[in-house]
């Protein structure tokens, strides 16, 4: 048994050194991309977002599609508007430096993926066995989700708001959560870590993008109210996309992340039965994962049945994101339980 553990504890120091070097490189690259996105947001020209799949069909060209039964036309999977009214124009600040920022973000994403890969090769295991590795993987998924949105939905305007938490989280991880590459406790020696934890990481990345869009929505909505009151709005706030577009972006990524979070909880219960002999034990991590699920479920239910949009839905979504953050940081440091080894 001692010899087996010693073999497991062996670490490829060359790979570990490369992985540690990539941590600094990716943080610098993300910070540079954030700076460039901020320049675009501050100094770019406000333009229509042509070709965005999150914009109503024909809205960017001023064309209203033909009406269906009842005088309405379906424009998105979560939105029906009356053809007698034009949807608010979807626009955002655009500048050539934004394309450079997107390329730099892609480079940082590759460095991020390389760091995770070399970390896994160094320790010869799945590279998300502790809080440091989990944060790095979450940031990778959040940025990957943003890059997808930027290309498919023309949502480059989220760059500043997504990269701010990414840079902060990576800084916290490098400064206070860092741990050297090494073996994990025996409880994590299971193929379920690739299933359960991967689902949680992907879902958290989606929720992070949704939370960024929700915060941006609140700023844009406040800006809209100031304009309506005749106040002058300047700076980045004056060039934000319409609140309606941001509301739909936030909703779209909760729709993406919620099923993954649900699957992650179910997979965790199955793993718990194999490891501890029970599916559910009211461990603090389990409880707060379920609370997070309930809040996001309430968000989706409110939108689907009560037709909530805007402020009401956004605050529920942000409450879910707050529960998610507490589940990761608060529970890990304030409570002891079966998940404390992470």
Protein backbone atom coordinates (compact mmCIF):
# COMPACT_ATOMS: atom_id res chain seq x y z
CA UNK A 1 0.00 0.00 0.00
CA UNK A 2 2.83 2.42 0.87
CA UNK A 3 4.61 1.63 -2.40
CA UNK A 4 1.37 2.12 -4.34
CA UNK A 5 0.81 5.54 -2.74
CA UNK A 6 4.42 6.54 -3.40
CA UNK A 7 3.99 5.65 -7.04
CA UNK A 8 0.81 7.71 -7.19
CA UNK A 9 2.58 10.62 -5.49
CA UNK A 10 5.23 10.82 -8.20
CA UNK A 11 4.95 14.11 -10.08
CA UNK A 12 6.47 15.06 -13.43
CA UNK A 13 8.34 18.18 -12.33
CA UNK A 14 8.97 19.37 -15.89
CA UNK A 15 5.26 19.35 -16.69
CA UNK A 16 4.50 20.94 -13.32
CA UNK A 17 6.97 23.74 -14.06
CA UNK A 18 5.41 24.37 -17.49
CA UNK A 19 1.96 24.40 -15.93
CA UNK A 20 3.02 26.96 -13.31
CA UNK A 21 4.56 29.18 -15.99
CA UNK A 22 1.35 29.07 -18.01
CA UNK A 23 -0.61 30.37 -15.00
CA UNK A 24 1.16 33.74 -15.19
CA UNK A 25 1.02 33.82 -18.99
CA UNK A 26 -2.73 33.25 -19.15
CA UNK A 27 -3.49 35.81 -16.43
CA UNK A 28 -1.45 38.43 -18.29
CA UNK A 29 -3.18 37.55 -21.58
CA UNK A 30 -6.65 37.73 -20.01
CA UNK A 31 -5.79 41.06 -18.37
CA UNK A 32 -4.59 42.45 -21.72
CA UNK A 33 -7.79 41.27 -23.42
CA UNK A 34 -9.84 42.90 -20.65
CA UNK A 35 -8.00 46.18 -21.19
CA UNK A 36 -8.66 46.05 -24.94
CA UNK A 37 -12.36 45.22 -24.46
CA UNK A 38 -12.62 48.16 -22.04
CA UNK A 39 -11.12 50.45 -24.71
CA UNK A 40 -13.69 49.22 -27.22
CA UNK A 41 -16.53 49.76 -24.74
CA UNK A 42 -15.32 53.27 -23.89
CA UNK A 43 -14.26 54.63 -27.28
CA UNK A 44 -16.07 52.51 -29.87
CA UNK A 45 -19.02 53.67 -31.95
CA UNK A 46 -22.46 52.41 -31.04
CA UNK A 47 -23.56 50.20 -33.94
CA UNK A 48 -26.36 47.78 -34.69
CA UNK A 49 -25.53 44.15 -34.00
CA UNK A 50 -26.18 42.72 -37.44
CA UNK A 51 -26.39 38.96 -37.80
CA UNK A 52 -26.95 38.29 -34.10
CA UNK A 53 -29.09 35.23 -33.46
CA UNK A 54 -30.17 36.82 -30.19
CA UNK A 55 -31.68 39.76 -32.09
CA UNK A 56 -35.20 39.43 -33.41
CA UNK A 57 -35.42 38.33 -37.04
CA UNK A 58 -35.22 41.40 -39.22
CA UNK A 59 -34.86 43.77 -36.25
CA UNK A 60 -31.39 44.93 -37.26
CA UNK A 61 -32.62 45.76 -40.72
CA UNK A 62 -35.86 47.35 -39.58
CA UNK A 63 -37.97 44.55 -41.08
CA UNK A 64 -40.86 42.95 -39.21
CA UNK A 65 -41.52 39.29 -40.12
CA UNK A 66 -44.92 38.10 -41.21
CA UNK A 67 -47.43 37.50 -38.44
CA UNK A 68 -48.82 34.16 -37.52
CA UNK A 69 -52.12 33.33 -35.91
CA UNK A 70 -53.25 35.87 -33.35
CA UNK A 71 -51.21 38.73 -34.80
CA UNK A 72 -47.95 37.65 -33.20
CA UNK A 73 -44.66 36.33 -34.53
CA UNK A 74 -42.20 34.08 -32.69
CA UNK A 75 -38.77 35.70 -32.67
CA UNK A 76 -36.91 33.57 -30.18
CA UNK A 77 -37.49 30.46 -28.15
CA UNK A 78 -38.40 32.58 -25.11
CA UNK A 79 -39.98 35.65 -26.68
CA UNK A 80 -43.13 36.58 -28.59
CA UNK A 81 -43.83 40.20 -29.54
CA UNK A 82 -46.76 41.88 -31.21
CA UNK A 83 -46.04 42.88 -34.80
CA UNK A 84 -47.55 46.28 -34.17
CA UNK A 85 -44.55 47.24 -32.07
CA UNK A 86 -40.91 47.37 -33.04
CA UNK A 87 -38.43 45.64 -30.76
CA UNK A 88 -35.78 47.97 -29.29
CA UNK A 89 -32.79 48.10 -31.56
CA UNK A 90 -29.93 45.81 -30.48
CA UNK A 91 -26.69 47.77 -30.58
CA UNK A 92 -23.40 48.00 -28.74
CA UNK A 93 -20.06 49.78 -28.83
CA UNK A 94 -17.88 48.47 -31.68
CA UNK A 95 -14.24 49.21 -32.48
CA UNK A 96 -11.48 47.44 -34.41
CA UNK A 97 -9.59 46.99 -31.14
CA UNK A 98 -12.41 44.68 -30.07
CA UNK A 99 -11.40 42.15 -32.73
CA UNK A 100 -7.84 42.28 -31.41
CA UNK A 101 -9.23 41.71 -27.92
CA UNK A 102 -11.15 38.68 -29.16
CA UNK A 103 -7.98 37.21 -30.69
CA UNK A 104 -6.03 37.83 -27.47
CA UNK A 105 -8.85 36.18 -25.52
CA UNK A 106 -8.59 33.16 -27.81
CA UNK A 107 -4.84 33.00 -27.17
CA UNK A 108 -5.41 33.24 -23.42
CA UNK A 109 -7.99 30.46 -23.71
CA UNK A 110 -5.39 28.22 -25.38
CA UNK A 111 -2.88 29.03 -22.61
CA UNK A 112 -5.57 28.26 -20.03
CA UNK A 113 -6.29 24.89 -21.66
CA UNK A 114 -2.56 24.18 -21.87
CA UNK A 115 -2.15 24.91 -18.16
CA UNK A 116 -4.90 22.44 -17.28
CA UNK A 117 -3.51 19.78 -19.64
CA UNK A 118 0.06 20.03 -18.35
CA UNK A 119 -1.19 20.05 -14.75
CA UNK A 120 -3.06 16.82 -15.40
CA UNK A 121 -0.03 15.25 -17.08
CA UNK A 122 2.22 16.35 -14.22
CA UNK A 123 0.04 14.72 -11.57
CA UNK A 124 -1.19 11.87 -13.82
CA UNK A 125 -4.85 12.47 -12.93
CA UNK A 126 -7.88 14.57 -13.82
CA UNK A 127 -6.74 18.15 -13.14
CA UNK A 128 -9.62 19.35 -10.96
CA UNK A 129 -9.05 17.79 -7.57
CA UNK A 130 -8.83 20.96 -5.44
CA UNK A 131 -10.14 24.54 -5.32
CA UNK A 132 -7.25 26.00 -7.33
CA UNK A 133 -7.73 23.58 -10.20
CA UNK A 134 -11.51 23.98 -10.06
CA UNK A 135 -11.27 27.78 -10.38
CA UNK A 136 -8.89 27.55 -13.35
CA UNK A 137 -11.23 25.08 -15.07
CA UNK A 138 -14.28 27.28 -14.37
CA UNK A 139 -12.52 30.25 -15.96
CA UNK A 140 -11.68 28.15 -19.01
CA UNK A 141 -15.34 27.17 -19.42
CA UNK A 142 -16.57 30.73 -18.82
CA UNK A 143 -14.22 32.12 -21.46
CA UNK A 144 -15.05 29.28 -23.84
CA UNK A 145 -18.75 30.06 -23.41
CA UNK A 146 -18.08 33.74 -24.04
CA UNK A 147 -16.07 33.01 -27.20
CA UNK A 148 -18.93 30.85 -28.46
CA UNK A 149 -21.39 33.67 -27.74
CA UNK A 150 -19.13 36.23 -29.40
CA UNK A 151 -18.93 34.21 -32.61
CA UNK A 152 -22.40 32.67 -32.81
CA UNK A 153 -24.48 35.43 -31.22
CA UNK A 154 -22.33 38.47 -32.02
CA UNK A 155 -22.08 39.08 -28.26
CA UNK A 156 -18.58 40.55 -28.12
CA UNK A 157 -19.99 43.31 -25.91
CA UNK A 158 -19.84 40.87 -22.96
CA UNK A 159 -16.03 40.73 -23.09
CA UNK A 160 -15.39 43.33 -20.38
CA UNK A 161 -18.01 41.94 -18.02
CA UNK A 162 -16.95 38.30 -18.41
CA UNK A 163 -13.21 38.90 -18.14
CA UNK A 164 -13.44 41.04 -14.99
CA UNK A 165 -14.51 38.06 -12.79
CA UNK A 166 -12.20 35.74 -14.73
CA UNK A 167 -9.12 37.86 -14.01
CA UNK A 168 -10.19 38.36 -10.37
CA UNK A 169 -10.80 34.64 -9.83
CA UNK A 170 -7.51 33.64 -11.43
CA UNK A 171 -5.69 36.23 -9.30
CA UNK A 172 -7.33 34.84 -6.14
CA UNK A 173 -6.53 31.29 -7.23
CA UNK A 174 -2.87 32.07 -7.94
CA UNK A 175 -2.41 34.09 -4.75
CA UNK A 176 -4.42 32.26 -2.10
CA UNK A 177 -5.70 28.94 -3.49
CA UNK A 178 -2.59 27.65 -5.27
CA UNK A 179 -1.41 24.14 -4.45
CA UNK A 180 1.39 22.22 -6.11
CA UNK A 181 0.61 19.42 -8.52
CA UNK A 182 0.25 16.16 -6.66
CA UNK A 183 -2.00 13.21 -5.90
CA UNK A 184 -5.55 13.53 -4.57
CA UNK A 185 -7.15 11.76 -1.63
CA UNK A 186 -8.34 8.19 -2.26
CA UNK A 187 -12.00 9.30 -2.33
CA UNK A 188 -11.33 11.14 -5.60
CA UNK A 189 -9.73 8.16 -7.33
CA UNK A 190 -12.80 7.42 -9.43
CA UNK A 191 -13.98 7.86 -12.99
CA UNK A 192 -16.90 9.82 -11.51
CA UNK A 193 -14.64 12.85 -11.06
CA UNK A 194 -14.55 13.15 -14.85
CA UNK A 195 -18.36 13.05 -14.96
CA UNK A 196 -19.62 14.81 -11.84
CA UNK A 197 -16.99 17.54 -11.53
CA UNK A 198 -16.83 18.18 -15.28
CA UNK A 199 -20.58 18.81 -15.37
CA UNK A 200 -20.31 21.19 -12.42
CA UNK A 201 -17.44 23.07 -14.07
CA UNK A 202 -19.26 23.47 -17.40
CA UNK A 203 -22.43 24.61 -15.65
CA UNK A 204 -20.56 27.11 -13.48
CA UNK A 205 -18.89 28.58 -16.57
CA UNK A 206 -22.30 29.08 -18.18
CA UNK A 207 -23.73 30.59 -15.01
CA UNK A 208 -20.78 32.99 -14.83
CA UNK A 209 -21.50 34.33 -18.32
CA UNK A 210 -25.18 34.61 -17.44
CA UNK A 211 -24.33 36.47 -14.22
CA UNK A 212 -22.08 38.86 -16.15
CA UNK A 213 -24.90 39.59 -18.58
CA UNK A 214 -27.30 40.10 -15.66
CA UNK A 215 -25.03 42.65 -13.98
CA UNK A 216 -24.59 44.40 -17.34
CA UNK A 217 -28.39 44.41 -17.70
CA UNK A 218 -28.82 46.26 -14.40
CA UNK A 219 -26.29 48.91 -15.47
CA UNK A 220 -27.95 49.25 -18.90
CA UNK A 221 -31.41 49.48 -17.34
CA UNK A 222 -30.26 52.22 -14.96
CA UNK A 223 -28.75 54.05 -17.93
CA UNK A 224 -32.01 53.74 -19.84
CA UNK A 225 -33.96 55.22 -16.92
CA UNK A 226 -31.54 58.14 -16.73
CA UNK A 227 -32.01 58.82 -20.43
CA UNK A 228 -35.78 58.70 -19.98
CA UNK A 229 -35.47 61.26 -17.19
CA UNK A 230 -33.49 63.56 -19.46
CA UNK A 231 -30.15 63.03 -17.72
CA UNK A 232 -26.90 62.96 -19.68
CA UNK A 233 -25.15 59.60 -19.76
CA UNK A 234 -21.48 59.32 -20.70
CA UNK A 235 -18.69 56.74 -20.70
CA UNK A 236 -19.08 52.99 -21.07
CA UNK A 237 -22.63 53.05 -19.67
CA UNK A 238 -23.78 55.17 -22.62
CA UNK A 239 -22.72 52.48 -25.12
CA UNK A 240 -24.10 49.35 -23.52
CA UNK A 241 -26.47 47.10 -25.48
CA UNK A 242 -30.19 47.38 -24.86
CA UNK A 243 -31.42 45.86 -21.57
CA UNK A 244 -33.79 43.60 -23.52
CA UNK A 245 -30.90 41.99 -25.38
CA UNK A 246 -28.87 41.49 -22.20
CA UNK A 247 -31.89 39.93 -20.49
CA UNK A 248 -32.18 37.39 -23.31
CA UNK A 249 -28.43 36.64 -23.25
CA UNK A 250 -28.58 35.97 -19.51
CA UNK A 251 -31.59 33.72 -19.96
CA UNK A 252 -30.02 31.81 -22.86
CA UNK A 253 -26.98 30.78 -20.82
CA UNK A 254 -29.02 29.75 -17.80
CA UNK A 255 -30.92 27.48 -20.19
CA UNK A 256 -27.54 26.05 -21.21
CA UNK A 257 -26.12 25.65 -17.69
CA UNK A 258 -29.15 24.48 -15.71
CA UNK A 259 -29.43 20.98 -17.26
CA UNK A 260 -25.69 20.48 -16.73
CA UNK A 261 -26.01 21.49 -13.07
CA UNK A 262 -28.96 19.10 -12.70
CA UNK A 263 -26.96 16.27 -14.22
CA UNK A 264 -23.99 17.14 -11.99
CA UNK A 265 -26.13 16.82 -8.85
CA UNK A 266 -27.54 13.48 -10.00
CA UNK A 267 -24.08 12.17 -10.92
CA UNK A 268 -22.77 13.34 -7.54
CA UNK A 269 -25.54 11.41 -5.78
CA UNK A 270 -24.65 8.23 -7.67
CA UNK A 271 -20.96 8.72 -6.84
CA UNK A 272 -21.86 9.34 -3.18
CA UNK A 273 -23.73 6.04 -3.07
CA UNK A 274 -20.68 4.23 -4.41
CA UNK A 275 -18.21 6.04 -2.11
CA UNK A 276 -20.21 6.54 1.10
CA UNK A 277 -23.12 4.14 0.80
CA UNK A 278 -25.88 6.77 0.48
CA UNK A 279 -27.23 8.98 -2.29
CA UNK A 280 -27.89 12.01 -0.10
CA UNK A 281 -26.56 12.90 3.35
CA UNK A 282 -27.32 16.63 3.76
CA UNK A 283 -23.64 17.48 3.56
CA UNK A 284 -23.23 21.31 3.35
CA UNK A 285 -21.98 21.07 -0.24
CA UNK A 286 -24.95 18.93 -1.21
CA UNK A 287 -27.40 21.27 0.52
CA UNK A 288 -26.09 24.42 -1.17
CA UNK A 289 -25.86 22.72 -4.54
CA UNK A 290 -29.54 21.89 -4.16
CA UNK A 291 -30.39 25.44 -2.99
CA UNK A 292 -28.62 26.80 -6.08
CA UNK A 293 -30.62 24.40 -8.24
CA UNK A 294 -33.90 25.50 -6.62
CA UNK A 295 -33.19 29.22 -7.18
CA UNK A 296 -32.31 28.73 -10.85
CA UNK A 297 -35.34 26.47 -11.25
CA UNK A 298 -37.47 29.27 -9.77
CA UNK A 299 -35.95 31.66 -12.30
CA UNK A 300 -36.85 29.44 -15.24
CA UNK A 301 -40.30 28.72 -13.81
CA UNK A 302 -41.00 32.44 -13.35
CA UNK A 303 -40.06 33.18 -16.94
CA UNK A 304 -41.98 30.23 -18.38
CA UNK A 305 -45.21 30.53 -16.40
CA UNK A 306 -45.48 34.06 -15.03
CA UNK A 307 -43.76 35.65 -18.03
CA UNK A 308 -41.29 37.51 -15.83
CA UNK A 309 -38.67 39.50 -17.70
CA UNK A 310 -36.30 42.31 -16.84
CA UNK A 311 -35.61 43.28 -13.24
CA UNK A 312 -37.63 40.55 -11.51
CA UNK A 313 -36.06 37.70 -13.46
CA UNK A 314 -32.58 39.26 -13.30
CA UNK A 315 -32.60 39.51 -9.52
CA UNK A 316 -33.65 35.86 -9.20
CA UNK A 317 -30.85 34.87 -11.57
CA UNK A 318 -28.33 36.90 -9.57
CA UNK A 319 -29.60 35.28 -6.36
CA UNK A 320 -28.84 31.91 -7.95
CA UNK A 321 -25.37 33.10 -8.92
CA UNK A 322 -24.78 34.34 -5.35
CA UNK A 323 -25.78 30.90 -4.04
CA UNK A 324 -23.38 29.33 -6.53
CA UNK A 325 -20.49 31.50 -5.32
CA UNK A 326 -21.32 30.81 -1.68
CA UNK A 327 -21.47 27.10 -2.43
CA UNK A 328 -17.93 27.25 -3.76
CA UNK A 329 -16.19 29.75 -1.47
CA UNK A 330 -18.37 30.01 1.64
CA UNK A 331 -19.15 26.34 2.13
CA UNK A 332 -15.55 25.26 1.53
CA UNK A 333 -14.18 27.64 4.18
CA UNK A 334 -17.03 28.02 6.68
CA UNK A 335 -18.31 24.45 6.99
CA UNK A 336 -16.75 21.05 7.43
CA UNK A 337 -18.15 18.03 5.67
CA UNK A 338 -17.43 15.12 3.40
CA UNK A 339 -16.42 17.52 0.62
CA UNK A 340 -13.85 19.39 2.74
CA UNK A 341 -10.94 17.59 1.06
CA UNK A 342 -11.55 19.66 -2.10
